[in-house]
Amino acid sequence: MPTYRDEAVILRTHKLGEADRIVTMLSRRHGKVRAVAKGVRRTSSKFGSRLEPFMVADVQLYEGRSLDIVQQAESLGSYGTDIAAHYDRFTAANAMVETADRLSDAEATPEQYLLLVGGLRALSRGEHAPRSILDSYLLRVMSLSGWAPSLDDCARCGTPGPHSVFVAQLGGLICHADAPAGSPRIADRTLALLRALIRGDWEHIDAAPHADTAAASGLVAAYAQWHLERGIRSLAHVTTTPGEGAR
């Protein structure tokens, strides 16, 4: 049976039988992988703790017909403990891995892997507000998947901006002529924050007032969920209130 080795982020796990787990991973070179980790629920397991959500591991797998089999796992990033210790980090991380899991196999590129690893590392270290890390991840992962929001020209007709209406269902900013009746306007500061989030301009993001952060978060959530075509359940538990997860 052929084997292969790769780096992977653990997205989720499911119990299988009395001692095994099915592990869903986003790997660097092989995209999304579903594999059986045998015996990992036993206390004697050598690598069970390395195959928990939010962990990054160097894994060796047997290639199976429907599910691969984990043979070895070495820890590359132990982010789970620091993330789980803070509710706001934990909920943001859940939304990130759920989003990564929702993307199709064709979209699971090395860039997607690196973006997720960077986001989880930032969450575990408390480098920025957890909701801001999540919002930046969502905008950037949508862009990598070919769904970058239009934040300058009209998403519908291409008319150059500035525009002040953001419609998630239409792809971002919309000119006055194409805007559906009753569409709410977006404040200039909120638009500037969206641009900073997609660029990763953390000096701007960290200095933004809470009201702007909350407004941007609502638009990001609506945009991501519309283009994924189904809700991100974990987003219901994510708060925009500054919490202990940010230093």
Foldseek 3Di string as FASTA:
>chain_A
DDKDKFKWAWLAWDDDPDAKIWTWTQTQAQGIATAIEPRLNDPPDPCNLQRHHLWIWIWMWADDDRHIYTDDIDGDGDLVVLQVVFQQSVLLLNLLSLLSVLDDRVLSHNVLRVLNNVLSVCLSVQAAFSLLSSLLSLQQSCVSVVQHADLAAALAPRHGDDAFFFDLLSRTGHHPVPDPPPGDGHDPLLSVLNVCSPVVVVVSNRPDDLVSQVVNSVSSLSNSCVVSVHHSVSVVSHDSDGDPSHD
